[in-house]
Amino acid sequence: MTDAVVHAAKAFDGPPEDRILNLMLQVMEEDAATYDHAISIWARKDAAANEVFTRTLRKRFDFARWMFKQSGFSHRQAGIRGRLLVAYLMGESATDLKSDRNWKARIREKHRILMNRCDRSSVKKKLSAVRDTPMV
């Protein structure tokens, strides 16, 4: 399933940011990560399954990093965001997200968070402001 999703994302003809959103929606619409959790458990006990699962994860992480680099993130930021994207999609596939009629909006919200560009100084200022806010 990973190869089909990667192939579709590579063929996507649009802005890099939209490519990421399109991939997120496709993974959820097609239940592309449905068996990941079961396979990860199997891979803990079976060397051959572990090899395939590890290779698949590496392929996903590398491709996700590439997509974020195409969107203008540094190599480091792209790697971090790529791992978060893969982990999020694998985890969300085990929930009942699609039973929510607004599930696509929730995916779009996660996409906005992943695409958010903020520098360290603005984050430090925001954290400082939050720490200085009295508890109610």
N, C-alpha and C. Protein backbone atom coordinates (compact mmCIF):
# COMPACT_ATOMS: atom_id res chain seq x y z
N MET A 1 0.82 -1.19 0.00
CA MET A 1 0.00 0.00 0.00
C MET A 1 0.87 1.26 0.00
N THR A 2 2.01 1.21 0.69
CA THR A 2 2.90 2.37 0.75
C THR A 2 3.31 2.81 -0.65
N ASP A 3 3.69 1.86 -1.49
CA ASP A 3 4.14 2.21 -2.84
C ASP A 3 3.05 2.90 -3.64
N ALA A 4 1.82 2.46 -3.51
CA ALA A 4 0.71 3.07 -4.25
C ALA A 4 0.47 4.51 -3.78
N VAL A 5 0.55 4.73 -2.48
CA VAL A 5 0.34 6.08 -1.94
C VAL A 5 1.48 6.99 -2.37
N VAL A 6 2.72 6.50 -2.29
CA VAL A 6 3.88 7.29 -2.70
C VAL A 6 3.78 7.61 -4.19
N HIS A 7 3.43 6.64 -4.99
CA HIS A 7 3.31 6.85 -6.44
C HIS A 7 2.27 7.94 -6.73
N ALA A 8 1.13 7.88 -6.08
CA ALA A 8 0.08 8.88 -6.29
C ALA A 8 0.55 10.26 -5.85
N ALA A 9 1.28 10.32 -4.74
CA ALA A 9 1.77 11.61 -4.26
C ALA A 9 2.82 12.19 -5.20
N LYS A 10 3.68 11.36 -5.73
CA LYS A 10 4.68 11.84 -6.69
C LYS A 10 4.01 12.36 -7.96
N ALA A 11 2.93 11.73 -8.37
CA ALA A 11 2.23 12.11 -9.59
C ALA A 11 1.34 13.34 -9.38
N PHE A 12 1.13 13.73 -8.14
CA PHE A 12 0.27 14.87 -7.84
C PHE A 12 0.81 16.13 -8.50
N ASP A 13 -0.04 16.82 -9.22
CA ASP A 13 0.37 18.01 -9.96
C ASP A 13 -0.22 19.24 -9.28
N GLY A 14 0.47 19.71 -8.27
CA GLY A 14 0.00 20.87 -7.53
C GLY A 14 1.08 21.32 -6.57
N PRO A 15 0.79 22.32 -5.77
CA PRO A 15 1.76 22.83 -4.80
C PRO A 15 2.19 21.73 -3.81
N PRO A 16 3.45 21.77 -3.36
CA PRO A 16 3.94 20.75 -2.42
C PRO A 16 3.10 20.65 -1.15
N GLU A 17 2.61 21.77 -0.67
CA GLU A 17 1.78 21.75 0.55
C GLU A 17 0.50 20.96 0.31
N ASP A 18 -0.08 21.13 -0.88
CA ASP A 18 -1.30 20.40 -1.22
C ASP A 18 -1.02 18.91 -1.42
N ARG A 19 0.19 18.60 -1.87
CA ARG A 19 0.57 17.19 -2.03
C ARG A 19 0.49 16.47 -0.67
N ILE A 20 0.97 17.15 0.37
CA ILE A 20 0.94 16.55 1.70
C ILE A 20 -0.50 16.35 2.17
N LEU A 21 -1.32 17.36 2.01
CA LEU A 21 -2.73 17.24 2.40
C LEU A 21 -3.41 16.13 1.61
N ASN A 22 -3.17 16.08 0.32
CA ASN A 22 -3.76 15.05 -0.53
C ASN A 22 -3.35 13.65 -0.05
N LEU A 23 -2.09 13.48 0.30
CA LEU A 23 -1.62 12.19 0.81
C LEU A 23 -2.33 11.84 2.12
N MET A 24 -2.45 12.81 3.01
CA MET A 24 -3.12 12.56 4.29
C MET A 24 -4.55 12.08 4.06
N LEU A 25 -5.26 12.78 3.19
CA LEU A 25 -6.64 12.40 2.91
C LEU A 25 -6.71 11.03 2.24
N GLN A 26 -5.80 10.76 1.31
CA GLN A 26 -5.79 9.47 0.62
C GLN A 26 -5.55 8.32 1.59
N VAL A 27 -4.58 8.47 2.47
CA VAL A 27 -4.28 7.40 3.43
C VAL A 27 -5.52 7.07 4.26
N MET A 28 -6.23 8.11 4.70
CA MET A 28 -7.41 7.87 5.51
C MET A 28 -8.57 7.35 4.67
N GLU A 29 -8.81 7.92 3.51
CA GLU A 29 -9.92 7.48 2.66
C GLU A 29 -9.78 6.02 2.25
N GLU A 30 -8.55 5.61 1.93
CA GLU A 30 -8.30 4.26 1.45
C GLU A 30 -7.95 3.28 2.56
N ASP A 31 -7.98 3.75 3.80
CA ASP A 31 -7.59 2.90 4.94
C ASP A 31 -6.22 2.27 4.70
N ALA A 32 -5.32 3.06 4.16
CA ALA A 32 -4.01 2.54 3.73
C ALA A 32 -3.12 2.10 4.89
N ALA A 33 -3.39 2.57 6.09
CA ALA A 33 -2.55 2.21 7.24
C ALA A 33 -3.28 1.31 8.23
N THR A 34 -4.39 0.75 7.82
CA THR A 34 -5.24 -0.03 8.73
C THR A 34 -4.51 -1.16 9.44
N TYR A 35 -3.64 -1.86 8.73
CA TYR A 35 -3.00 -3.05 9.30
C TYR A 35 -1.64 -2.76 9.93
N ASP A 36 -1.23 -1.50 9.95
CA ASP A 36 0.10 -1.16 10.46
C ASP A 36 0.33 -1.61 11.89
N HIS A 37 -0.64 -1.38 12.76
CA HIS A 37 -0.46 -1.75 14.16
C HIS A 37 -0.27 -3.26 14.31
N ALA A 38 -1.11 -4.03 13.65
CA ALA A 38 -0.99 -5.49 13.73
C ALA A 38 0.36 -5.96 13.18
N ILE A 39 0.78 -5.36 12.08
CA ILE A 39 2.06 -5.76 11.48
C ILE A 39 3.22 -5.37 12.39
N SER A 40 3.11 -4.23 13.06
CA SER A 40 4.18 -3.82 13.97
C SER A 40 4.33 -4.81 15.13
N ILE A 41 3.22 -5.35 15.61
CA ILE A 41 3.28 -6.35 16.68
C ILE A 41 3.88 -7.65 16.16
N TRP A 42 3.45 -8.06 15.00
CA TRP A 42 4.00 -9.26 14.36
C TRP A 42 5.51 -9.10 14.15
N ALA A 43 5.94 -7.91 13.73
CA ALA A 43 7.35 -7.66 13.44
C ALA A 43 8.23 -7.76 14.68
N ARG A 44 7.66 -7.61 15.85
CA ARG A 44 8.44 -7.75 17.09
C ARG A 44 8.87 -9.19 17.32
N LYS A 45 8.12 -10.13 16.75
CA LYS A 45 8.37 -11.55 17.00
C LYS A 45 8.94 -12.29 15.80
N ASP A 46 8.88 -11.68 14.63
CA ASP A 46 9.28 -12.36 13.40
C ASP A 46 10.32 -11.51 12.66
N ALA A 47 11.51 -12.07 12.46
CA ALA A 47 12.62 -11.32 11.86
C ALA A 47 12.29 -10.86 10.44
N ALA A 48 11.68 -11.72 9.64
CA ALA A 48 11.36 -11.35 8.26
C ALA A 48 10.32 -10.23 8.23
N ALA A 49 9.31 -10.33 9.08
CA ALA A 49 8.29 -9.28 9.15
C ALA A 49 8.92 -7.97 9.64
N ASN A 50 9.84 -8.07 10.59
CA ASN A 50 10.52 -6.89 11.11
C ASN A 50 11.34 -6.20 10.02
N GLU A 51 12.00 -6.98 9.20
CA GLU A 51 12.80 -6.41 8.11
C GLU A 51 11.91 -5.64 7.13
N VAL A 52 10.80 -6.23 6.75
CA VAL A 52 9.88 -5.58 5.81
C VAL A 52 9.25 -4.34 6.45
N PHE A 53 8.82 -4.47 7.69
CA PHE A 53 8.18 -3.35 8.38
C PHE A 53 9.16 -2.19 8.54
N THR A 54 10.39 -2.49 8.93
CA THR A 54 11.43 -1.46 9.10
C THR A 54 11.72 -0.77 7.76
N ARG A 55 11.83 -1.54 6.71
CA ARG A 55 12.08 -0.98 5.38
C ARG A 55 10.91 -0.07 4.95
N THR A 56 9.69 -0.51 5.23
CA THR A 56 8.51 0.27 4.88
C THR A 56 8.47 1.59 5.65
N LEU A 57 8.76 1.52 6.95
CA LEU A 57 8.79 2.75 7.75
C LEU A 57 9.86 3.70 7.23
N ARG A 58 11.03 3.18 6.93
CA ARG A 58 12.11 4.02 6.41
C ARG A 58 11.67 4.70 5.11
N LYS A 59 11.01 3.94 4.24
CA LYS A 59 10.52 4.50 2.98
C LYS A 59 9.51 5.62 3.25
N ARG A 60 8.62 5.40 4.20
CA ARG A 60 7.61 6.41 4.53
C ARG A 60 8.27 7.66 5.12
N PHE A 61 9.19 7.46 6.07
CA PHE A 61 9.86 8.60 6.69
C PHE A 61 10.65 9.40 5.65
N ASP A 62 11.36 8.70 4.79
CA ASP A 62 12.16 9.38 3.75
C ASP A 62 11.27 10.16 2.80
N PHE A 63 10.18 9.54 2.38
CA PHE A 63 9.29 10.22 1.44
C PHE A 63 8.61 11.41 2.10
N ALA A 64 8.19 11.25 3.34
CA ALA A 64 7.53 12.35 4.05
C ALA A 64 8.52 13.51 4.23
N ARG A 65 9.77 13.19 4.58
CA ARG A 65 10.79 14.24 4.70
C ARG A 65 10.95 14.96 3.36
N TRP A 66 11.01 14.22 2.27
CA TRP A 66 11.15 14.81 0.94
C TRP A 66 9.99 15.78 0.66
N MET A 67 8.77 15.37 1.01
CA MET A 67 7.62 16.25 0.75
C MET A 67 7.74 17.56 1.53
N PHE A 68 8.18 17.49 2.78
CA PHE A 68 8.32 18.71 3.57
C PHE A 68 9.48 19.56 3.06
N LYS A 69 10.55 18.93 2.58
CA LYS A 69 11.65 19.70 1.98
C LYS A 69 11.16 20.41 0.73
N GLN A 70 10.32 19.74 -0.06
CA GLN A 70 9.74 20.37 -1.25
C GLN A 70 8.87 21.56 -0.87
N SER A 71 8.35 21.55 0.35
CA SER A 71 7.51 22.66 0.83
C SER A 71 8.35 23.77 1.46
N GLY A 72 9.68 23.62 1.43
CA GLY A 72 10.54 24.70 1.88
C GLY A 72 11.10 24.56 3.28
N PHE A 73 10.89 23.44 3.94
CA PHE A 73 11.43 23.26 5.28
C PHE A 73 12.88 22.79 5.19
N SER A 74 13.65 23.11 6.22
CA SER A 74 15.04 22.65 6.29
C SER A 74 15.06 21.12 6.38
N HIS A 75 16.21 20.53 6.13
CA HIS A 75 16.34 19.08 6.20
C HIS A 75 15.90 18.57 7.59
N ARG A 76 16.36 19.26 8.62
CA ARG A 76 16.02 18.85 10.00
C ARG A 76 14.52 18.97 10.25
N GLN A 77 13.95 20.14 9.93
CA GLN A 77 12.52 20.34 10.14
C GLN A 77 11.69 19.38 9.30
N ALA A 78 12.12 19.15 8.08
CA ALA A 78 11.39 18.23 7.20
C ALA A 78 11.40 16.81 7.78
N GLY A 79 12.53 16.40 8.35
CA GLY A 79 12.62 15.08 8.96
C GLY A 79 11.70 14.94 10.16
N ILE A 80 11.69 15.96 11.00
CA ILE A 80 10.82 15.94 12.19
C ILE A 80 9.35 15.91 11.78
N ARG A 81 8.98 16.79 10.88
CA ARG A 81 7.59 16.86 10.45
C ARG A 81 7.17 15.59 9.69
N GLY A 82 8.11 15.04 8.92
CA GLY A 82 7.82 13.81 8.20
C GLY A 82 7.52 12.66 9.15
N ARG A 83 8.33 12.53 10.21
CA ARG A 83 8.09 11.47 11.20
C ARG A 83 6.76 11.69 11.91
N LEU A 84 6.47 12.95 12.24
CA LEU A 84 5.18 13.24 12.89
C LEU A 84 4.02 12.88 11.97
N LEU A 85 4.14 13.20 10.69
CA LEU A 85 3.09 12.88 9.73
C LEU A 85 2.85 11.38 9.66
N VAL A 86 3.92 10.62 9.50
CA VAL A 86 3.79 9.16 9.39
C VAL A 86 3.20 8.58 10.67
N ALA A 87 3.72 8.99 11.80
CA ALA A 87 3.22 8.46 13.08
C ALA A 87 1.75 8.84 13.29
N TYR A 88 1.40 10.08 12.94
CA TYR A 88 0.01 10.51 13.08
C TYR A 88 -0.92 9.66 12.23
N LEU A 89 -0.58 9.47 10.96
CA LEU A 89 -1.45 8.71 10.07
C LEU A 89 -1.56 7.25 10.51
N MET A 90 -0.45 6.67 10.97
CA MET A 90 -0.50 5.29 11.44
C MET A 90 -1.38 5.18 12.69
N GLY A 91 -1.25 6.13 13.58
CA GLY A 91 -2.05 6.11 14.80
C GLY A 91 -3.51 6.40 14.55
N GLU A 92 -3.77 7.40 13.73
CA GLU A 92 -5.16 7.79 13.45
C GLU A 92 -5.91 6.68 12.73
N SER A 93 -5.20 5.85 11.99
CA SER A 93 -5.88 4.77 11.26
C SER A 93 -6.48 3.74 12.22
N ALA A 94 -6.03 3.74 13.46
CA ALA A 94 -6.55 2.80 14.45
C ALA A 94 -7.73 3.37 15.22
N THR A 95 -8.13 4.59 14.90
CA THR A 95 -9.25 5.21 15.61
C THR A 95 -10.50 5.18 14.73
N ASP A 96 -11.55 5.76 15.26
CA ASP A 96 -12.81 5.84 14.50
C ASP A 96 -12.98 7.22 13.86
N LEU A 97 -11.88 7.85 13.46
CA LEU A 97 -11.92 9.19 12.90
C LEU A 97 -12.95 9.33 11.80
N LYS A 98 -13.00 8.37 10.90
CA LYS A 98 -13.90 8.50 9.75
C LYS A 98 -15.38 8.39 10.11
N SER A 99 -15.68 8.02 11.33
CA SER A 99 -17.09 8.02 11.75
C SER A 99 -17.57 9.44 12.04
N ASP A 100 -16.64 10.35 12.20
CA ASP A 100 -16.96 11.76 12.38
C ASP A 100 -17.24 12.37 11.01
N ARG A 101 -18.40 12.94 10.81
CA ARG A 101 -18.74 13.47 9.49
C ARG A 101 -17.82 14.62 9.09
N ASN A 102 -17.10 15.20 10.05
CA ASN A 102 -16.16 16.29 9.76
C ASN A 102 -14.70 15.82 9.77
N TRP A 103 -14.49 14.53 9.49
CA TRP A 103 -13.13 13.99 9.60
C TRP A 103 -12.15 14.67 8.66
N LYS A 104 -12.60 15.07 7.49
CA LYS A 104 -11.69 15.73 6.54
C LYS A 104 -11.25 17.09 7.09
N ALA A 105 -12.14 17.78 7.77
CA ALA A 105 -11.78 19.06 8.39
C ALA A 105 -10.74 18.83 9.49
N ARG A 106 -10.87 17.74 10.22
CA ARG A 106 -9.89 17.43 11.26
C ARG A 106 -8.53 17.12 10.65
N ILE A 107 -8.52 16.44 9.52
CA ILE A 107 -7.26 16.18 8.81
C ILE A 107 -6.65 17.50 8.34
N ARG A 108 -7.48 18.38 7.80
CA ARG A 108 -6.98 19.68 7.33
C ARG A 108 -6.38 20.49 8.48
N GLU A 109 -6.99 20.38 9.66
CA GLU A 109 -6.46 21.07 10.83
C GLU A 109 -5.07 20.54 11.18
N LYS A 110 -4.91 19.23 11.16
CA LYS A 110 -3.59 18.63 11.44
C LYS A 110 -2.58 19.06 10.38
N HIS A 111 -3.04 19.14 9.14
CA HIS A 111 -2.17 19.59 8.05
C HIS A 111 -1.69 21.02 8.30
N ARG A 112 -2.61 21.91 8.71
CA ARG A 112 -2.23 23.29 9.01
C ARG A 112 -1.17 23.34 10.11
N ILE A 113 -1.33 22.51 11.12
CA ILE A 113 -0.36 22.46 12.21
C ILE A 113 1.01 22.00 11.69
N LEU A 114 1.02 20.95 10.89
CA LEU A 114 2.28 20.44 10.34
C LEU A 114 2.96 21.45 9.43
N MET A 115 2.18 22.27 8.75
CA MET A 115 2.74 23.22 7.80
C MET A 115 3.09 24.56 8.46
N ASN A 116 2.73 24.73 9.72
CA ASN A 116 2.98 25.99 10.41
C ASN A 116 4.47 26.29 10.46
N ARG A 117 4.80 27.50 10.08
CA ARG A 117 6.20 27.94 10.10
C ARG A 117 6.33 29.01 11.18
N CYS A 118 7.05 28.68 12.22
CA CYS A 118 7.31 29.67 13.25
C CYS A 118 8.77 29.55 13.67
N ASP A 119 9.35 30.67 14.01
CA ASP A 119 10.74 30.63 14.42
C ASP A 119 10.81 30.43 15.93
N ARG A 120 11.99 30.09 16.40
CA ARG A 120 12.17 29.78 17.82
C ARG A 120 11.85 30.96 18.71
N SER A 121 12.23 32.17 18.31
CA SER A 121 12.01 33.33 19.17
C SER A 121 10.52 33.57 19.39
N SER A 122 9.69 33.39 18.35
CA SER A 122 8.26 33.61 18.54
C SER A 122 7.66 32.53 19.43
N VAL A 123 8.17 31.31 19.33
CA VAL A 123 7.69 30.23 20.19
C VAL A 123 8.07 30.52 21.64
N LYS A 124 9.30 30.96 21.87
CA LYS A 124 9.74 31.28 23.23
C LYS A 124 8.88 32.39 23.83
N LYS A 125 8.55 33.40 23.03
CA LYS A 125 7.71 34.50 23.52
C LYS A 125 6.33 33.98 23.90
N LYS A 126 5.77 33.11 23.06
CA LYS A 126 4.44 32.57 23.34
C LYS A 126 4.46 31.71 24.60
N LEU A 127 5.49 30.88 24.75
CA LEU A 127 5.60 30.03 25.93
C LEU A 127 5.77 30.88 27.18
N SER A 128 6.55 31.92 27.08
CA SER A 128 6.76 32.82 28.20
C SER A 128 5.45 33.47 28.60
N ALA A 129 4.67 33.90 27.64
CA ALA A 129 3.38 34.53 27.92
C ALA A 129 2.43 33.56 28.61
N VAL A 130 2.45 32.31 28.16
CA VAL A 130 1.59 31.31 28.77
C VAL A 130 2.01 31.03 30.21
N ARG A 131 3.31 30.93 30.45
CA ARG A 131 3.82 30.69 31.81
C ARG A 131 3.47 31.83 32.75
N ASP A 132 3.45 33.05 32.21
CA ASP A 132 3.16 34.22 33.04
C ASP A 132 1.68 34.45 33.28
N THR A 133 0.82 33.69 32.63
CA THR A 133 -0.61 33.84 32.78
C THR A 133 -1.05 33.13 34.06
N PRO A 134 -1.73 33.84 34.96
CA PRO A 134 -2.18 33.20 36.20
C PRO A 134 -3.25 32.14 35.93
N MET A 135 -3.20 31.10 36.74
CA MET A 135 -4.21 30.04 36.61
C MET A 135 -5.52 30.51 37.21
N VAL A 136 -6.59 30.09 36.63
CA VAL A 136 -7.92 30.51 37.10
C VAL A 136 -8.42 29.53 38.13
